[in-house]
Amino acid sequence: MTTKIKGGSGRQFAFGSIDLNLIKVLYALAIKGNVTEAGNVLGLSQPTVSHALKRLNG
């Protein structure tokens, strides 16, 4: 099942296509405020977190 929601920019988001593991990265970024610290908390490198953020952005 795919749920589509229209975002503020006019883009539609298909929640069925989001890798839910990326939510952990987004949460760590929101809490820590920067990519390096989020990576440290998650045990990931900064480039890995940056790549995840890019995937979230679409």
C-alpha atoms as a PDB file:
ATOM      1  CA  MET A   1       0.000   0.000   0.000  1.00  0.00           C
ATOM      2  CA  THR A   2       1.323   3.416  -0.938  1.00  0.00           C
ATOM      3  CA  THR A   3       0.043   6.575   0.696  1.00  0.00           C
ATOM      4  CA  LYS A   4       0.555   9.782  -1.252  1.00  0.00           C
ATOM      5  CA  ILE A   5       0.616  13.173   0.413  1.00  0.00           C
ATOM      6  CA  LYS A   6       1.127  16.454  -1.395  1.00  0.00           C
ATOM      7  CA  GLY A   7       4.014  18.404   0.147  1.00  0.00           C
ATOM      8  CA  GLY A   8       4.305  22.143   0.552  1.00  0.00           C
ATOM      9  CA  SER A   9       6.439  22.410  -2.574  1.00  0.00           C
ATOM     10  CA  GLY A  10       3.737  20.729  -4.636  1.00  0.00           C
ATOM     11  CA  ARG A  11       5.633  17.434  -4.806  1.00  0.00           C
ATOM     12  CA  GLN A  12       3.841  14.241  -3.922  1.00  0.00           C
ATOM     13  CA  PHE A  13       5.407  11.860  -1.438  1.00  0.00           C
ATOM     14  CA  ALA A  14       4.820   8.118  -1.730  1.00  0.00           C
ATOM     15  CA  PHE A  15       5.349   6.756   1.768  1.00  0.00           C
ATOM     16  CA  GLY A  16       5.476   3.191   0.494  1.00  0.00           C
ATOM     17  CA  SER A  17       8.750   3.980  -1.263  1.00  0.00           C
ATOM     18  CA  ILE A  18      10.629   5.447   1.750  1.00  0.00           C
ATOM     19  CA  ASP A  19      13.310   3.325   3.409  1.00  0.00           C
ATOM     20  CA  LEU A  20      12.200   3.488   7.038  1.00  0.00           C
ATOM     21  CA  ASN A  21      15.814   3.078   8.214  1.00  0.00           C
ATOM     22  CA  LEU A  22      16.400   6.600   6.919  1.00  0.00           C
ATOM     23  CA  ILE A  23      14.041   7.901   9.616  1.00  0.00           C
ATOM     24  CA  LYS A  24      16.720   7.090  12.229  1.00  0.00           C
ATOM     25  CA  VAL A  25      19.172   9.242  10.302  1.00  0.00           C
ATOM     26  CA  LEU A  26      16.685  12.093  10.055  1.00  0.00           C
ATOM     27  CA  TYR A  27      15.959  11.863  13.789  1.00  0.00           C
ATOM     28  CA  ALA A  28      19.674  11.900  14.703  1.00  0.00           C
ATOM     29  CA  LEU A  29      20.223  14.895  12.418  1.00  0.00           C
ATOM     30  CA  ALA A  30      17.333  16.746  14.038  1.00  0.00           C
ATOM     31  CA  ILE A  31      18.628  16.052  17.557  1.00  0.00           C
ATOM     32  CA  LYS A  32      22.328  16.644  16.956  1.00  0.00           C
ATOM     33  CA  GLY A  33      22.074  19.451  14.431  1.00  0.00           C
ATOM     34  CA  ASN A  34      24.958  18.386  12.230  1.00  0.00           C
ATOM     35  CA  VAL A  35      25.901  15.481   9.998  1.00  0.00           C
ATOM     36  CA  THR A  36      29.131  14.498  11.768  1.00  0.00           C
ATOM     37  CA  GLU A  37      27.563  14.261  15.229  1.00  0.00           C
ATOM     38  CA  ALA A  38      24.562  12.376  13.856  1.00  0.00           C
ATOM     39  CA  GLY A  39      26.959   9.904  12.280  1.00  0.00           C
ATOM     40  CA  ASN A  40      28.818   9.477  15.570  1.00  0.00           C
ATOM     41  CA  VAL A  41      25.580   8.680  17.410  1.00  0.00           C
ATOM     42  CA  LEU A  42      24.508   6.189  14.740  1.00  0.00           C
ATOM     43  CA  GLY A  43      27.928   4.620  14.258  1.00  0.00           C
ATOM     44  CA  LEU A  44      28.022   5.827  10.661  1.00  0.00           C
ATOM     45  CA  SER A  45      30.536   7.910   8.747  1.00  0.00           C
ATOM     46  CA  GLN A  46      29.756  11.483   7.744  1.00  0.00           C
ATOM     47  CA  PRO A  47      29.596  10.591   4.023  1.00  0.00           C
ATOM     48  CA  THR A  48      27.111   7.796   4.780  1.00  0.00           C
ATOM     49  CA  VAL A  49      24.848  10.171   6.703  1.00  0.00           C
ATOM     50  CA  SER A  50      25.132  12.760   3.923  1.00  0.00           C
ATOM     51  CA  HIS A  51      24.146  10.138   1.360  1.00  0.00           C
ATOM     52  CA  ALA A  52      21.137   9.130   3.478  1.00  0.00           C
ATOM     53  CA  LEU A  53      20.085  12.783   3.724  1.00  0.00           C
ATOM     54  CA  LYS A  54      20.340  13.106  -0.045  1.00  0.00           C
ATOM     55  CA  ARG A  55      18.131  10.017  -0.447  1.00  0.00           C
ATOM     56  CA  LEU A  56      15.554  11.521   1.916  1.00  0.00           C
ATOM     57  CA  ASN A  57      15.534  14.745  -0.061  1.00  0.00           C
ATOM     58  CA  GLY A  58      14.699  12.842  -3.217  1.00  0.00           C
END
